[in-house]
C-alpha atoms as a PDB file:
ATOM      1  CA  UNK A   1      -0.008  -0.146  -0.050  1.00  0.00           C
ATOM      2  CA  UNK A   2       1.352   3.587  -0.888  1.00  0.00           C
ATOM      3  CA  UNK A   3       0.825   6.866   0.832  1.00  0.00           C
ATOM      4  CA  UNK A   4       1.329  10.090  -1.204  1.00  0.00           C
ATOM      5  CA  UNK A   5       2.865  12.885   1.085  1.00  0.00           C
ATOM      6  CA  UNK A   6       4.781  16.099   1.019  1.00  0.00           C
ATOM      7  CA  UNK A   7       7.617  15.472   3.588  1.00  0.00           C
ATOM      8  CA  UNK A   8       8.404  12.071   3.732  1.00  0.00           C
ATOM      9  CA  UNK A   9       9.956  12.427   7.398  1.00  0.00           C
ATOM     10  CA  UNK A  10       6.746  13.905   8.688  1.00  0.00           C
ATOM     11  CA  UNK A  11       4.923  11.115   7.271  1.00  0.00           C
ATOM     12  CA  UNK A  12       7.076   8.370   8.130  1.00  0.00           C
ATOM     13  CA  UNK A  13       7.256   9.980  11.997  1.00  0.00           C
ATOM     14  CA  UNK A  14       3.327   9.902  11.944  1.00  0.00           C
ATOM     15  CA  UNK A  15       2.307   6.412  10.375  1.00  0.00           C
ATOM     16  CA  UNK A  16       5.411   4.609  12.572  1.00  0.00           C
ATOM     17  CA  UNK A  17       3.843   6.069  15.713  1.00  0.00           C
ATOM     18  CA  UNK A  18       0.449   5.522  14.742  1.00  0.00           C
ATOM     19  CA  UNK A  19       0.952   1.683  13.425  1.00  0.00           C
ATOM     20  CA  UNK A  20       3.846   0.618  15.384  1.00  0.00           C
ATOM     21  CA  UNK A  21       6.105   0.383  12.526  1.00  0.00           C
ATOM     22  CA  UNK A  22       9.859   1.009  12.028  1.00  0.00           C
ATOM     23  CA  UNK A  23      11.622   2.290   8.986  1.00  0.00           C
ATOM     24  CA  UNK A  24      12.632  -0.314   6.521  1.00  0.00           C
ATOM     25  CA  UNK A  25      15.977   1.555   5.126  1.00  0.00           C
ATOM     26  CA  UNK A  26      16.560   4.720   4.638  1.00  0.00           C
ATOM     27  CA  UNK A  27      14.690   7.782   2.515  1.00  0.00           C
ATOM     28  CA  UNK A  28      15.618   7.879  -1.050  1.00  0.00           C
ATOM     29  CA  UNK A  29      13.982  11.506  -0.837  1.00  0.00           C
ATOM     30  CA  UNK A  30      11.152   9.911  -3.118  1.00  0.00           C
ATOM     31  CA  UNK A  31      10.224   7.031  -1.052  1.00  0.00           C
ATOM     32  CA  UNK A  32      10.437   5.378   2.460  1.00  0.00           C
ATOM     33  CA  UNK A  33       9.069   2.153   3.209  1.00  0.00           C
ATOM     34  CA  UNK A  34       7.573   1.241   6.688  1.00  0.00           C
ATOM     35  CA  UNK A  35       6.983  -2.487   8.233  1.00  0.00           C
ATOM     36  CA  UNK A  36       5.354  -3.746  11.075  1.00  0.00           C
ATOM     37  CA  UNK A  37       8.225  -3.961  14.229  1.00  0.00           C
ATOM     38  CA  UNK A  38       7.202  -7.556  14.719  1.00  0.00           C
ATOM     39  CA  UNK A  39       8.091  -8.038  11.181  1.00  0.00           C
ATOM     40  CA  UNK A  40       4.551  -9.988  10.522  1.00  0.00           C
ATOM     41  CA  UNK A  41       2.104  -7.630   8.531  1.00  0.00           C
ATOM     42  CA  UNK A  42       1.748  -5.066   5.362  1.00  0.00           C
ATOM     43  CA  UNK A  43       4.325  -3.078   4.161  1.00  0.00           C
ATOM     44  CA  UNK A  44       3.368   0.815   3.590  1.00  0.00           C
ATOM     45  CA  UNK A  45       5.409   2.782   1.429  1.00  0.00           C
ATOM     46  CA  UNK A  46       5.351   6.635   1.789  1.00  0.00           C
ATOM     47  CA  UNK A  47       5.799   8.378  -1.790  1.00  0.00           C
ATOM     48  CA  UNK A  48       6.475  11.868  -1.476  1.00  0.00           C
ATOM     49  CA  UNK A  49       4.650  14.027  -4.288  1.00  0.00           C
ATOM     50  CA  UNK A  50       4.763  17.638  -5.407  1.00  0.00           C
ATOM     51  CA  UNK A  51       1.003  18.516  -5.320  1.00  0.00           C
ATOM     52  CA  UNK A  52      -1.073  18.583  -2.588  1.00  0.00           C
ATOM     53  CA  UNK A  53      -4.304  16.132  -1.709  1.00  0.00           C
ATOM     54  CA  UNK A  54      -7.419  17.242  -3.709  1.00  0.00           C
ATOM     55  CA  UNK A  55     -10.915  15.465  -2.734  1.00  0.00           C
ATOM     56  CA  UNK A  56     -11.650  13.042  -1.063  1.00  0.00           C
ATOM     57  CA  UNK A  57      -9.455   9.699  -0.861  1.00  0.00           C
ATOM     58  CA  UNK A  58     -10.808   6.510  -2.756  1.00  0.00           C
ATOM     59  CA  UNK A  59      -8.750   4.216  -0.632  1.00  0.00           C
ATOM     60  CA  UNK A  60      -8.197   4.339   3.196  1.00  0.00           C
ATOM     61  CA  UNK A  61      -7.081   2.569   6.233  1.00  0.00           C
ATOM     62  CA  UNK A  62      -9.094   1.646   9.578  1.00  0.00           C
ATOM     63  CA  UNK A  63      -7.523   1.478  12.731  1.00  0.00           C
ATOM     64  CA  UNK A  64      -9.317  -0.910  14.898  1.00  0.00           C
ATOM     65  CA  UNK A  65      -9.423  -0.414  18.704  1.00  0.00           C
ATOM     66  CA  UNK A  66     -11.050  -1.468  21.425  1.00  0.00           C
ATOM     67  CA  UNK A  67     -10.967   2.078  23.025  1.00  0.00           C
ATOM     68  CA  UNK A  68     -11.999   4.474  20.418  1.00  0.00           C
ATOM     69  CA  UNK A  69     -11.822   7.834  22.855  1.00  0.00           C
ATOM     70  CA  UNK A  70      -8.085   6.929  23.572  1.00  0.00           C
ATOM     71  CA  UNK A  71      -6.912   5.733  19.985  1.00  0.00           C
ATOM     72  CA  UNK A  72      -8.747   9.166  18.582  1.00  0.00           C
ATOM     73  CA  UNK A  73      -6.727  11.150  21.264  1.00  0.00           C
ATOM     74  CA  UNK A  74      -3.294   9.149  20.652  1.00  0.00           C
ATOM     75  CA  UNK A  75      -3.318   9.433  16.805  1.00  0.00           C
ATOM     76  CA  UNK A  76      -4.384  13.427  17.348  1.00  0.00           C
ATOM     77  CA  UNK A  77      -1.211  13.860  19.688  1.00  0.00           C
ATOM     78  CA  UNK A  78       0.902  12.446  16.967  1.00  0.00           C
ATOM     79  CA  UNK A  79      -0.619  14.996  14.321  1.00  0.00           C
ATOM     80  CA  UNK A  80      -3.895  13.763  13.145  1.00  0.00           C
ATOM     81  CA  UNK A  81      -6.955  16.034  12.491  1.00  0.00           C
ATOM     82  CA  UNK A  82     -10.312  15.096  13.777  1.00  0.00           C
ATOM     83  CA  UNK A  83     -12.900  15.545  10.992  1.00  0.00           C
ATOM     84  CA  UNK A  84     -15.933  13.996  12.860  1.00  0.00           C
ATOM     85  CA  UNK A  85     -17.103  16.527  15.481  1.00  0.00           C
ATOM     86  CA  UNK A  86     -19.468  12.863  16.767  1.00  0.00           C
ATOM     87  CA  UNK A  87     -18.450   9.667  15.963  1.00  0.00           C
ATOM     88  CA  UNK A  88     -20.549   7.567  13.690  1.00  0.00           C
ATOM     89  CA  UNK A  89     -22.209   4.461  14.466  1.00  0.00           C
ATOM     90  CA  UNK A  90     -23.208   1.931  11.830  1.00  0.00           C
ATOM     91  CA  UNK A  91     -24.527  -1.815  12.857  1.00  0.00           C
ATOM     92  CA  UNK A  92     -23.026  -1.407  16.152  1.00  0.00           C
ATOM     93  CA  UNK A  93     -19.691   0.154  14.988  1.00  0.00           C
ATOM     94  CA  UNK A  94     -18.710   3.148  15.939  1.00  0.00           C
ATOM     95  CA  UNK A  95     -15.917   5.577  14.228  1.00  0.00           C
ATOM     96  CA  UNK A  96     -14.115   8.734  13.684  1.00  0.00           C
ATOM     97  CA  UNK A  97     -12.565   9.817  10.626  1.00  0.00           C
ATOM     98  CA  UNK A  98      -9.435  11.506  10.623  1.00  0.00           C
ATOM     99  CA  UNK A  99      -6.481  12.841   8.299  1.00  0.00           C
ATOM    100  CA  UNK A 100      -2.903  12.162   8.700  1.00  0.00           C
ATOM    101  CA  UNK A 101      -0.532  14.991   8.766  1.00  0.00           C
ATOM    102  CA  UNK A 102      -0.962  15.248   4.986  1.00  0.00           C
ATOM    103  CA  UNK A 103      -4.746  15.441   5.098  1.00  0.00           C
ATOM    104  CA  UNK A 104      -5.311  11.634   3.743  1.00  0.00           C
ATOM    105  CA  UNK A 105      -7.843  10.563   5.480  1.00  0.00           C
ATOM    106  CA  UNK A 106      -8.026   7.203   7.614  1.00  0.00           C
ATOM    107  CA  UNK A 107     -10.826   6.140  10.398  1.00  0.00           C
ATOM    108  CA  UNK A 108     -10.283   4.770  14.015  1.00  0.00           C
ATOM    109  CA  UNK A 109     -13.067   2.193  14.417  1.00  0.00           C
ATOM    110  CA  UNK A 110     -14.693   0.448  17.700  1.00  0.00           C
ATOM    111  CA  UNK A 111     -15.955  -2.743  16.057  1.00  0.00           C
ATOM    112  CA  UNK A 112     -19.377  -3.853  17.328  1.00  0.00           C
ATOM    113  CA  UNK A 113     -18.566  -6.284  20.608  1.00  0.00           C
ATOM    114  CA  UNK A 114     -19.087  -9.782  18.681  1.00  0.00           C
ATOM    115  CA  UNK A 115     -16.026  -8.803  16.515  1.00  0.00           C
ATOM    116  CA  UNK A 116     -13.737  -9.073  19.319  1.00  0.00           C
ATOM    117  CA  UNK A 117     -15.576 -12.227  20.562  1.00  0.00           C
ATOM    118  CA  UNK A 118     -15.246 -14.342  17.659  1.00  0.00           C
ATOM    119  CA  UNK A 119     -11.184 -13.251  17.720  1.00  0.00           C
ATOM    120  CA  UNK A 120     -10.858 -14.268  20.763  1.00  0.00           C
ATOM    121  CA  UNK A 121     -11.745 -17.923  20.630  1.00  0.00           C
END
């Protein structure tokens, strides 16, 4: 997965802290690879682009959490901006829409209780 950004360093700082990822090698000027700290999961590639973000993302990340308020506050302290003044609620799922420092939307999601129960067995 690739995320466009205007500042590789700022974007890498944000996404490594938000996701618990680490940088995979040095940035080469246009790209910075991020990988899960434990080595298990999806690589995220940051791509420096000259143009700013325009319009809604067609693809976004959902960060699932058991504690919506705490996770929203955590990513806000990292530089995320909150777009939804109150949580969105649908089919037992609750979420907020935020943006990273480059304006890319992502959601912090508290799944319905049965979501967690099905993963604990």
